[in-house]
PDB file of all heavy atoms in Angstrom:
ATOM      1  N   THR A   1       0.811  -1.218   0.000  1.00  0.00           N
ATOM      2  CA  THR A   1       0.000   0.000   0.000  1.00  0.00           C
ATOM      3  C   THR A   1       0.845   1.270   0.000  1.00  0.00           C
ATOM      4  O   THR A   1       0.301   2.377   0.002  1.00  0.00           O
ATOM      5  CB  THR A   1      -0.931   0.020   1.228  1.00  0.00           C
ATOM      6  OG1 THR A   1      -0.152  -0.163   2.423  1.00  0.00           O
ATOM      7  CG2 THR A   1      -1.956  -1.104   1.144  1.00  0.00           C
ATOM      8  N   ASN A   2       2.173   1.117   0.009  1.00  0.00           N
ATOM      9  CA  ASN A   2       3.073   2.278  -0.008  1.00  0.00           C
ATOM     10  C   ASN A   2       4.268   1.987  -0.898  1.00  0.00           C
ATOM     11  O   ASN A   2       4.856   0.909  -0.816  1.00  0.00           O
ATOM     12  CB  ASN A   2       3.591   2.591   1.397  1.00  0.00           C
ATOM     13  CG  ASN A   2       2.495   2.998   2.352  1.00  0.00           C
ATOM     14  OD1 ASN A   2       2.154   4.163   2.466  1.00  0.00           O
ATOM     15  ND2 ASN A   2       1.928   2.014   3.038  1.00  0.00           N
ATOM     16  N   LEU A   3       4.636   2.957  -1.714  1.00  0.00           N
ATOM     17  CA  LEU A   3       5.841   2.823  -2.520  1.00  0.00           C
ATOM     18  C   LEU A   3       6.802   3.951  -2.147  1.00  0.00           C
ATOM     19  O   LEU A   3       7.020   4.893  -2.895  1.00  0.00           O
ATOM     20  CB  LEU A   3       5.498   2.894  -4.016  1.00  0.00           C
ATOM     21  CG  LEU A   3       4.769   1.694  -4.612  1.00  0.00           C
ATOM     22  CD1 LEU A   3       4.405   1.949  -6.069  1.00  0.00           C
ATOM     23  CD2 LEU A   3       5.619   0.439  -4.501  1.00  0.00           C
ATOM     24  N   THR A   4       7.368   3.847  -0.965  1.00  0.00           N
ATOM     25  CA  THR A   4       8.302   4.874  -0.504  1.00  0.00           C
ATOM     26  C   THR A   4       9.284   4.247   0.484  1.00  0.00           C
ATOM     27  O   THR A   4       8.916   3.928   1.617  1.00  0.00           O
ATOM     28  CB  THR A   4       7.559   6.048   0.162  1.00  0.00           C
ATOM     29  OG1 THR A   4       8.480   6.815   0.941  1.00  0.00           O
ATOM     30  CG2 THR A   4       6.414   5.557   1.044  1.00  0.00           C
ATOM     31  N   SER A   5      10.502   4.045   0.052  1.00  0.00           N
ATOM     32  CA  SER A   5      11.484   3.370   0.899  1.00  0.00           C
ATOM     33  C   SER A   5      11.796   4.169   2.161  1.00  0.00           C
ATOM     34  O   SER A   5      11.742   3.649   3.272  1.00  0.00           O
ATOM     35  CB  SER A   5      12.766   3.117   0.105  1.00  0.00           C
ATOM     36  OG  SER A   5      13.273   4.338  -0.436  1.00  0.00           O
ATOM     37  N   ALA A   6      12.101   5.457   1.993  1.00  0.00           N
ATOM     38  CA  ALA A   6      12.441   6.280   3.156  1.00  0.00           C
ATOM     39  C   ALA A   6      11.245   6.441   4.079  1.00  0.00           C
ATOM     40  O   ALA A   6      11.369   6.370   5.307  1.00  0.00           O
ATOM     41  CB  ALA A   6      12.942   7.651   2.698  1.00  0.00           C
ATOM     42  N   GLY A   7      10.065   6.635   3.495  1.00  0.00           N
ATOM     43  CA  GLY A   7       8.859   6.793   4.299  1.00  0.00           C
ATOM     44  C   GLY A   7       8.528   5.536   5.084  1.00  0.00           C
ATOM     45  O   GLY A   7       8.151   5.600   6.257  1.00  0.00           O
ATOM     46  N   GLN A   8       8.671   4.378   4.448  1.00  0.00           N
ATOM     47  CA  GLN A   8       8.377   3.126   5.133  1.00  0.00           C
ATOM     48  C   GLN A   8       9.403   2.839   6.224  1.00  0.00           C
ATOM     49  O   GLN A   8       9.048   2.358   7.307  1.00  0.00           O
ATOM     50  CB  GLN A   8       8.352   1.967   4.135  1.00  0.00           C
ATOM     51  CG  GLN A   8       7.091   1.948   3.294  1.00  0.00           C
ATOM     52  CD  GLN A   8       7.059   0.790   2.328  1.00  0.00           C
ATOM     53  OE1 GLN A   8       6.968   0.962   1.131  1.00  0.00           O
ATOM     54  NE2 GLN A   8       7.113  -0.417   2.850  1.00  0.00           N
ATOM     55  N   ALA A   9      10.667   3.106   5.948  1.00  0.00           N
ATOM     56  CA  ALA A   9      11.701   2.873   6.956  1.00  0.00           C
ATOM     57  C   ALA A   9      11.445   3.725   8.193  1.00  0.00           C
ATOM     58  O   ALA A   9      11.537   3.242   9.330  1.00  0.00           O
ATOM     59  CB  ALA A   9      13.078   3.176   6.374  1.00  0.00           C
ATOM     60  N   ALA A  10      11.101   4.996   7.970  1.00  0.00           N
ATOM     61  CA  ALA A  10      10.795   5.885   9.091  1.00  0.00           C
ATOM     62  C   ALA A  10       9.518   5.446   9.792  1.00  0.00           C
ATOM     63  O   ALA A  10       9.429   5.479  11.024  1.00  0.00           O
ATOM     64  CB  ALA A  10      10.667   7.324   8.598  1.00  0.00           C
ATOM     65  N   GLY A  11       8.527   5.031   9.008  1.00  0.00           N
ATOM     66  CA  GLY A  11       7.257   4.591   9.588  1.00  0.00           C
ATOM     67  C   GLY A  11       7.411   3.363  10.459  1.00  0.00           C
ATOM     68  O   GLY A  11       6.825   3.280  11.545  1.00  0.00           O
ATOM     69  N   ILE A  12       8.204   2.412  10.000  1.00  0.00           N
ATOM     70  CA  ILE A  12       8.441   1.190  10.784  1.00  0.00           C
ATOM     71  C   ILE A  12       9.142   1.521  12.096  1.00  0.00           C
ATOM     72  O   ILE A  12       8.837   0.959  13.147  1.00  0.00           O
ATOM     73  CB  ILE A  12       9.264   0.186   9.956  1.00  0.00           C
ATOM     74  CG1 ILE A  12       8.408  -0.380   8.818  1.00  0.00           C
ATOM     75  CG2 ILE A  12       9.795  -0.945  10.833  1.00  0.00           C
ATOM     76  CD1 ILE A  12       9.175  -1.237   7.835  1.00  0.00           C
ATOM     77  N   GLU A  13      10.073   2.466  12.035  1.00  0.00           N
ATOM     78  CA  GLU A  13      10.789   2.861  13.256  1.00  0.00           C
ATOM     79  C   GLU A  13       9.828   3.524  14.251  1.00  0.00           C
ATOM     80  O   GLU A  13       9.924   3.304  15.458  1.00  0.00           O
ATOM     81  CB  GLU A  13      11.925   3.817  12.908  1.00  0.00           C
ATOM     82  CG  GLU A  13      12.862   4.093  14.070  1.00  0.00           C
ATOM     83  CD  GLU A  13      14.127   4.825  13.656  1.00  0.00           C
ATOM     84  OE1 GLU A  13      14.339   4.990  12.444  1.00  0.00           O
ATOM     85  OE2 GLU A  13      14.882   5.220  14.556  1.00  0.00           O
ATOM     86  N   ILE A  14       8.888   4.323  13.726  1.00  0.00           N
ATOM     87  CA  ILE A  14       7.915   4.978  14.601  1.00  0.00           C
ATOM     88  C   ILE A  14       6.970   3.946  15.216  1.00  0.00           C
ATOM     89  O   ILE A  14       6.627   4.017  16.398  1.00  0.00           O
ATOM     90  CB  ILE A  14       7.113   6.036  13.809  1.00  0.00           C
ATOM     91  CG1 ILE A  14       8.031   7.173  13.391  1.00  0.00           C
ATOM     92  CG2 ILE A  14       5.949   6.571  14.647  1.00  0.00           C
ATOM     93  CD1 ILE A  14       7.381   8.176  12.465  1.00  0.00           C
ATOM     94  N   ILE A  15       6.551   2.971  14.409  1.00  0.00           N
ATOM     95  CA  ILE A  15       5.686   1.907  14.926  1.00  0.00           C
ATOM     96  C   ILE A  15       6.400   1.119  16.022  1.00  0.00           C
ATOM     97  O   ILE A  15       5.818   0.810  17.064  1.00  0.00           O
ATOM     98  CB  ILE A  15       5.259   0.964  13.782  1.00  0.00           C
ATOM     99  CG1 ILE A  15       4.332   1.697  12.804  1.00  0.00           C
ATOM    100  CG2 ILE A  15       4.546  -0.271  14.333  1.00  0.00           C
ATOM    101  CD1 ILE A  15       4.001   0.898  11.562  1.00  0.00           C
ATOM    102  N   ALA A  16       7.668   0.803  15.777  1.00  0.00           N
ATOM    103  CA  ALA A  16       8.435   0.021  16.748  1.00  0.00           C
ATOM    104  C   ALA A  16       8.613   0.775  18.069  1.00  0.00           C
ATOM    105  O   ALA A  16       8.661   0.159  19.141  1.00  0.00           O
ATOM    106  CB  ALA A  16       9.801  -0.343  16.167  1.00  0.00           C
ATOM    107  N   SER A  17       8.691   2.101  17.977  1.00  0.00           N
ATOM    108  CA  SER A  17       8.885   2.901  19.196  1.00  0.00           C
ATOM    109  C   SER A  17       7.565   3.380  19.796  1.00  0.00           C
ATOM    110  O   SER A  17       7.569   4.224  20.698  1.00  0.00           O
ATOM    111  CB  SER A  17       9.779   4.110  18.890  1.00  0.00           C
ATOM    112  OG  SER A  17       9.176   4.941  17.913  1.00  0.00           O
ATOM    113  N   MET A  18       6.433   2.856  19.253  1.00  0.00           N
ATOM    114  CA  MET A  18       5.102   3.200  19.753  1.00  0.00           C
ATOM    115  C   MET A  18       4.825   4.697  19.648  1.00  0.00           C
ATOM    116  O   MET A  18       4.290   5.343  20.549  1.00  0.00           O
ATOM    117  CB  MET A  18       4.944   2.738  21.204  1.00  0.00           C
ATOM    118  CG  MET A  18       5.172   1.254  21.422  1.00  0.00           C
ATOM    119  SD  MET A  18       3.936   0.236  20.573  1.00  0.00           S
ATOM    120  CE  MET A  18       2.488   0.595  21.549  1.00  0.00           C
ATOM    121  N   GLY A  19       5.205   5.274  18.503  1.00  0.00           N
ATOM    122  CA  GLY A  19       4.977   6.696  18.286  1.00  0.00           C
ATOM    123  C   GLY A  19       3.508   7.006  18.055  1.00  0.00           C
ATOM    124  O   GLY A  19       2.693   6.119  17.784  1.00  0.00           O
ATOM    125  N   SER A  20       3.158   8.286  18.109  1.00  0.00           N
ATOM    126  CA  SER A  20       1.766   8.709  17.945  1.00  0.00           C
ATOM    127  C   SER A  20       1.402   8.828  16.470  1.00  0.00           C
ATOM    128  O   SER A  20       2.269   8.867  15.590  1.00  0.00           O
ATOM    129  CB  SER A  20       1.546  10.062  18.627  1.00  0.00           C
ATOM    130  OG  SER A  20       2.303  11.076  17.977  1.00  0.00           O
ATOM    131  N   LEU A  21       0.102   8.905  16.192  1.00  0.00           N
ATOM    132  CA  LEU A  21      -0.379   9.064  14.821  1.00  0.00           C
ATOM    133  C   LEU A  21       0.022  10.421  14.253  1.00  0.00           C
ATOM    134  O   LEU A  21       0.320  10.540  13.055  1.00  0.00           O
ATOM    135  CB  LEU A  21      -1.903   8.907  14.778  1.00  0.00           C
ATOM    136  CG  LEU A  21      -2.448   7.507  15.073  1.00  0.00           C
ATOM    137  CD1 LEU A  21      -3.974   7.528  15.077  1.00  0.00           C
ATOM    138  CD2 LEU A  21      -1.934   6.495  14.048  1.00  0.00           C
ATOM    139  N   ILE A  22       0.024  11.438  15.100  1.00  0.00           N
ATOM    140  CA  ILE A  22       0.449  12.769  14.640  1.00  0.00           C
ATOM    141  C   ILE A  22       1.909  12.746  14.227  1.00  0.00           C
ATOM    142  O   ILE A  22       2.300  13.306  13.199  1.00  0.00           O
ATOM    143  CB  ILE A  22       0.231  13.813  15.763  1.00  0.00           C
ATOM    144  CG1 ILE A  22      -1.264  13.963  16.059  1.00  0.00           C
ATOM    145  CG2 ILE A  22       0.836  15.152  15.377  1.00  0.00           C
ATOM    146  CD1 ILE A  22      -1.568  14.923  17.187  1.00  0.00           C
ATOM    147  N   GLU A  23       2.715  12.072  15.019  1.00  0.00           N
ATOM    148  CA  GLU A  23       4.135  11.919  14.703  1.00  0.00           C
ATOM    149  C   GLU A  23       4.310  11.204  13.373  1.00  0.00           C
ATOM    150  O   GLU A  23       5.115  11.607  12.527  1.00  0.00           O
ATOM    151  CB  GLU A  23       4.818  11.128  15.817  1.00  0.00           C
ATOM    152  CG  GLU A  23       6.310  10.964  15.670  1.00  0.00           C
ATOM    153  CD  GLU A  23       6.899  10.187  16.819  1.00  0.00           C
ATOM    154  OE1 GLU A  23       6.192   9.947  17.807  1.00  0.00           O
ATOM    155  OE2 GLU A  23       8.083   9.812  16.725  1.00  0.00           O
ATOM    156  N   MET A  24       3.542  10.155  13.155  1.00  0.00           N
ATOM    157  CA  MET A  24       3.607   9.401  11.900  1.00  0.00           C
ATOM    158  C   MET A  24       3.187  10.268  10.717  1.00  0.00           C
ATOM    159  O   MET A  24       3.851  10.296   9.672  1.00  0.00           O
ATOM    160  CB  MET A  24       2.705   8.170  11.989  1.00  0.00           C
ATOM    161  CG  MET A  24       2.610   7.352  10.708  1.00  0.00           C
ATOM    162  SD  MET A  24       4.133   6.467  10.315  1.00  0.00           S
ATOM    163  CE  MET A  24       3.967   5.054  11.431  1.00  0.00           C
ATOM    164  N   ALA A  25       2.076  11.000  10.876  1.00  0.00           N
ATOM    165  CA  ALA A  25       1.546  11.818   9.782  1.00  0.00           C
ATOM    166  C   ALA A  25       2.524  12.922   9.378  1.00  0.00           C
ATOM    167  O   ALA A  25       2.784  13.138   8.188  1.00  0.00           O
ATOM    168  CB  ALA A  25       0.205  12.416  10.188  1.00  0.00           C
ATOM    169  N   LEU A  26       3.091  13.618  10.366  1.00  0.00           N
ATOM    170  CA  LEU A  26       4.020  14.706  10.067  1.00  0.00           C
ATOM    171  C   LEU A  26       5.306  14.183   9.421  1.00  0.00           C
ATOM    172  O   LEU A  26       5.842  14.789   8.497  1.00  0.00           O
ATOM    173  CB  LEU A  26       4.352  15.467  11.350  1.00  0.00           C
ATOM    174  CG  LEU A  26       3.222  16.318  11.940  1.00  0.00           C
ATOM    175  CD1 LEU A  26       3.651  16.920  13.278  1.00  0.00           C
ATOM    176  CD2 LEU A  26       2.821  17.417  10.968  1.00  0.00           C
ATOM    177  N   THR A  27       5.774  13.044   9.915  1.00  0.00           N
ATOM    178  CA  THR A  27       6.987  12.443   9.347  1.00  0.00           C
ATOM    179  C   THR A  27       6.779  12.059   7.891  1.00  0.00           C
ATOM    180  O   THR A  27       7.610  12.358   7.024  1.00  0.00           O
ATOM    181  CB  THR A  27       7.401  11.194  10.158  1.00  0.00           C
ATOM    182  OG1 THR A  27       7.608  11.556  11.516  1.00  0.00           O
ATOM    183  CG2 THR A  27       8.677  10.584   9.592  1.00  0.00           C
ATOM    184  N   GLN A  28       5.658  11.410   7.604  1.00  0.00           N
ATOM    185  CA  GLN A  28       5.377  10.992   6.236  1.00  0.00           C
ATOM    186  C   GLN A  28       5.168  12.199   5.326  1.00  0.00           C
ATOM    187  O   GLN A  28       5.562  12.182   4.152  1.00  0.00           O
ATOM    188  CB  GLN A  28       4.141  10.088   6.197  1.00  0.00           C
ATOM    189  CG  GLN A  28       4.289   8.774   6.947  1.00  0.00           C
ATOM    190  CD  GLN A  28       5.492   7.972   6.491  1.00  0.00           C
ATOM    191  OE1 GLN A  28       5.740   7.823   5.298  1.00  0.00           O
ATOM    192  NE2 GLN A  28       6.256   7.455   7.447  1.00  0.00           N
ATOM    193  N   LEU A  29       4.553  13.250   5.855  1.00  0.00           N
ATOM    194  CA  LEU A  29       4.341  14.456   5.062  1.00  0.00           C
ATOM    195  C   LEU A  29       5.659  15.062   4.618  1.00  0.00           C
ATOM    196  O   LEU A  29       5.844  15.404   3.447  1.00  0.00           O
ATOM    197  CB  LEU A  29       3.536  15.479   5.872  1.00  0.00           C
ATOM    198  CG  LEU A  29       3.334  16.847   5.201  1.00  0.00           C
ATOM    199  CD1 LEU A  29       2.506  16.705   3.933  1.00  0.00           C
ATOM    200  CD2 LEU A  29       2.667  17.818   6.165  1.00  0.00           C
ATOM    201  N   ILE A  30       6.596  15.183   5.543  1.00  0.00           N
ATOM    202  CA  ILE A  30       7.886  15.800   5.225  1.00  0.00           C
ATOM    203  C   ILE A  30       8.712  14.922   4.295  1.00  0.00           C
ATOM    204  O   ILE A  30       9.292  15.392   3.312  1.00  0.00           O
ATOM    205  CB  ILE A  30       8.661  16.086   6.523  1.00  0.00           C
ATOM    206  CG1 ILE A  30       7.976  17.218   7.295  1.00  0.00           C
ATOM    207  CG2 ILE A  30      10.110  16.448   6.232  1.00  0.00           C
ATOM    208  CD1 ILE A  30       8.611  17.555   8.625  1.00  0.00           C
ATOM    209  N   ILE A  31       8.750  13.619   4.581  1.00  0.00           N
ATOM    210  CA  ILE A  31       9.572  12.718   3.768  1.00  0.00           C
ATOM    211  C   ILE A  31       9.018  12.571   2.357  1.00  0.00           C
ATOM    212  O   ILE A  31       9.772  12.534   1.379  1.00  0.00           O
ATOM    213  CB  ILE A  31       9.669  11.336   4.445  1.00  0.00           C
ATOM    214  CG1 ILE A  31      10.487  11.434   5.738  1.00  0.00           C
ATOM    215  CG2 ILE A  31      10.305  10.305   3.503  1.00  0.00           C
ATOM    216  CD1 ILE A  31      10.595  10.131   6.492  1.00  0.00           C
ATOM    217  N   ASN A  32       7.693  12.508   2.234  1.00  0.00           N
ATOM    218  CA  ASN A  32       7.084  12.204   0.935  1.00  0.00           C
ATOM    219  C   ASN A  32       6.554  13.426   0.193  1.00  0.00           C
ATOM    220  O   ASN A  32       5.905  13.280  -0.851  1.00  0.00           O
ATOM    221  CB  ASN A  32       5.943  11.202   1.130  1.00  0.00           C
ATOM    222  CG  ASN A  32       6.444   9.883   1.683  1.00  0.00           C
ATOM    223  OD1 ASN A  32       7.483   9.371   1.273  1.00  0.00           O
ATOM    224  ND2 ASN A  32       5.713   9.318   2.641  1.00  0.00           N
ATOM    225  N   LEU A  33       6.834  14.615   0.706  1.00  0.00           N
ATOM    226  CA  LEU A  33       6.333  15.825   0.055  1.00  0.00           C
ATOM    227  C   LEU A  33       6.871  15.968  -1.365  1.00  0.00           C
ATOM    228  O   LEU A  33       6.217  16.546  -2.234  1.00  0.00           O
ATOM    229  CB  LEU A  33       6.706  17.051   0.893  1.00  0.00           C
ATOM    230  CG  LEU A  33       6.108  18.391   0.458  1.00  0.00           C
ATOM    231  CD1 LEU A  33       4.586  18.329   0.491  1.00  0.00           C
ATOM    232  CD2 LEU A  33       6.620  19.524   1.342  1.00  0.00           C
ATOM    233  N   ARG A  34       8.047  15.427  -1.607  1.00  0.00           N
ATOM    234  CA  ARG A  34       8.645  15.542  -2.939  1.00  0.00           C
ATOM    235  C   ARG A  34       7.787  14.880  -4.014  1.00  0.00           C
ATOM    236  O   ARG A  34       7.834  15.267  -5.190  1.00  0.00           O
ATOM    237  CB  ARG A  34      10.047  14.934  -2.938  1.00  0.00           C
ATOM    238  CG  ARG A  34      10.100  13.419  -2.810  1.00  0.00           C
ATOM    239  CD  ARG A  34      11.532  12.942  -2.645  1.00  0.00           C
ATOM    240  NE  ARG A  34      11.663  11.498  -2.727  1.00  0.00           N
ATOM    241  CZ  ARG A  34      11.410  10.667  -1.713  1.00  0.00           C
ATOM    242  NH1 ARG A  34      11.008  11.159  -0.553  1.00  0.00           N
ATOM    243  NH2 ARG A  34      11.571   9.359  -1.865  1.00  0.00           N
ATOM    244  N   TYR A  35       7.010  13.867  -3.637  1.00  0.00           N
ATOM    245  CA  TYR A  35       6.187  13.184  -4.626  1.00  0.00           C
ATOM    246  C   TYR A  35       5.091  14.092  -5.171  1.00  0.00           C
ATOM    247  O   TYR A  35       4.673  13.949  -6.320  1.00  0.00           O
ATOM    248  CB  TYR A  35       5.568  11.920  -4.016  1.00  0.00           C
ATOM    249  CG  TYR A  35       6.581  10.848  -3.696  1.00  0.00           C
ATOM    250  CD1 TYR A  35       6.616  10.241  -2.449  1.00  0.00           C
ATOM    251  CD2 TYR A  35       7.515  10.449  -4.649  1.00  0.00           C
ATOM    252  CE1 TYR A  35       7.555   9.260  -2.158  1.00  0.00           C
ATOM    253  CE2 TYR A  35       8.451   9.480  -4.372  1.00  0.00           C
ATOM    254  CZ  TYR A  35       8.471   8.888  -3.123  1.00  0.00           C
ATOM    255  OH  TYR A  35       9.413   7.926  -2.839  1.00  0.00           O
ATOM    256  N   ALA A  36       4.623  15.020  -4.342  1.00  0.00           N
ATOM    257  CA  ALA A  36       3.633  15.983  -4.825  1.00  0.00           C
ATOM    258  C   ALA A  36       4.243  16.874  -5.905  1.00  0.00           C
ATOM    259  O   ALA A  36       3.596  17.155  -6.927  1.00  0.00           O
ATOM    260  CB  ALA A  36       3.117  16.832  -3.655  1.00  0.00           C
ATOM    261  N   LEU A  37       5.484  17.295  -5.686  1.00  0.00           N
ATOM    262  CA  LEU A  37       6.165  18.121  -6.678  1.00  0.00           C
ATOM    263  C   LEU A  37       6.429  17.330  -7.962  1.00  0.00           C
ATOM    264  O   LEU A  37       6.289  17.857  -9.075  1.00  0.00           O
ATOM    265  CB  LEU A  37       7.483  18.646  -6.105  1.00  0.00           C
ATOM    266  CG  LEU A  37       7.368  19.465  -4.812  1.00  0.00           C
ATOM    267  CD1 LEU A  37       8.738  19.872  -4.311  1.00  0.00           C
ATOM    268  CD2 LEU A  37       6.502  20.691  -5.050  1.00  0.00           C
ATOM    269  N   MET A  38       6.793  16.059  -7.805  1.00  0.00           N
ATOM    270  CA  MET A  38       6.995  15.205  -8.975  1.00  0.00           C
ATOM    271  C   MET A  38       5.695  15.041  -9.749  1.00  0.00           C
ATOM    272  O   MET A  38       5.683  15.064 -10.988  1.00  0.00           O
ATOM    273  CB  MET A  38       7.514  13.827  -8.546  1.00  0.00           C
ATOM    274  CG  MET A  38       8.918  13.815  -8.001  1.00  0.00           C
ATOM    275  SD  MET A  38       9.421  12.136  -7.536  1.00  0.00           S
ATOM    276  CE  MET A  38      10.958  12.463  -6.692  1.00  0.00           C
ATOM    277  N   GLY A  39       4.604  14.849  -9.019  1.00  0.00           N
ATOM    278  CA  GLY A  39       3.312  14.668  -9.670  1.00  0.00           C
ATOM    279  C   GLY A  39       2.898  15.887 -10.466  1.00  0.00           C
ATOM    280  O   GLY A  39       2.390  15.770 -11.592  1.00  0.00           O
ATOM    281  N   ILE A  40       3.116  17.075  -9.900  1.00  0.00           N
ATOM    282  CA  ILE A  40       2.776  18.313 -10.602  1.00  0.00           C
ATOM    283  C   ILE A  40       3.604  18.446 -11.867  1.00  0.00           C
ATOM    284  O   ILE A  40       3.091  18.818 -12.935  1.00  0.00           O
ATOM    285  CB  ILE A  40       3.007  19.528  -9.682  1.00  0.00           C
ATOM    286  CG1 ILE A  40       2.013  19.487  -8.516  1.00  0.00           C
ATOM    287  CG2 ILE A  40       2.854  20.830 -10.463  1.00  0.00           C
ATOM    288  CD1 ILE A  40       2.266  20.544  -7.461  1.00  0.00           C
ATOM    289  N   SER A  41       4.897  18.133 -11.764  1.00  0.00           N
ATOM    290  CA  SER A  41       5.775  18.212 -12.935  1.00  0.00           C
ATOM    291  C   SER A  41       5.393  17.176 -13.991  1.00  0.00           C
ATOM    292  O   SER A  41       5.337  17.479 -15.187  1.00  0.00           O
ATOM    293  CB  SER A  41       7.230  18.011 -12.499  1.00  0.00           C
ATOM    294  OG  SER A  41       8.099  18.057 -13.602  1.00  0.00           O
ATOM    295  N   LEU A  42       5.106  15.944 -13.544  1.00  0.00           N
ATOM    296  CA  LEU A  42       4.793  14.865 -14.476  1.00  0.00           C
ATOM    297  C   LEU A  42       3.449  15.078 -15.158  1.00  0.00           C
ATOM    298  O   LEU A  42       3.227  14.574 -16.261  1.00  0.00           O
ATOM    299  CB  LEU A  42       4.797  13.522 -13.743  1.00  0.00           C
ATOM    300  CG  LEU A  42       4.665  12.253 -14.590  1.00  0.00           C
ATOM    301  CD1 LEU A  42       5.791  12.168 -15.613  1.00  0.00           C
ATOM    302  CD2 LEU A  42       4.657  11.016 -13.697  1.00  0.00           C
ATOM    303  N   SER A  43       2.554  15.802 -14.523  1.00  0.00           N
ATOM    304  CA  SER A  43       1.232  16.033 -15.113  1.00  0.00           C
ATOM    305  C   SER A  43       1.322  16.741 -16.461  1.00  0.00           C
ATOM    306  O   SER A  43       0.412  16.624 -17.291  1.00  0.00           O
ATOM    307  CB  SER A  43       0.366  16.854 -14.145  1.00  0.00           C
ATOM    308  OG  SER A  43       0.893  18.154 -13.970  1.00  0.00           O
ATOM    309  N   GLN A  44       2.431  17.460 -16.688  1.00  0.00           N
ATOM    310  CA  GLN A  44       2.609  18.149 -17.964  1.00  0.00           C
ATOM    311  C   GLN A  44       2.973  17.181 -19.088  1.00  0.00           C
ATOM    312  O   GLN A  44       2.878  17.535 -20.266  1.00  0.00           O
ATOM    313  CB  GLN A  44       3.721  19.196 -17.841  1.00  0.00           C
ATOM    314  CG  GLN A  44       3.578  20.119 -16.644  1.00  0.00           C
ATOM    315  CD  GLN A  44       2.249  20.848 -16.623  1.00  0.00           C
ATOM    316  OE1 GLN A  44       1.828  21.410 -17.630  1.00  0.00           O
ATOM    317  NE2 GLN A  44       1.582  20.831 -15.476  1.00  0.00           N
TER     318      GLN A  44
END
């Protein structure tokens, strides 16, 4: 359900450390924000 190596690695570490959902959401937002920029560029 995810194609992001860095995002998944960080997510697994947060799960293992019993992190909060807010922590998970913010981490994934920052790590995977580049995909939004790629999508905008690729749309052309």
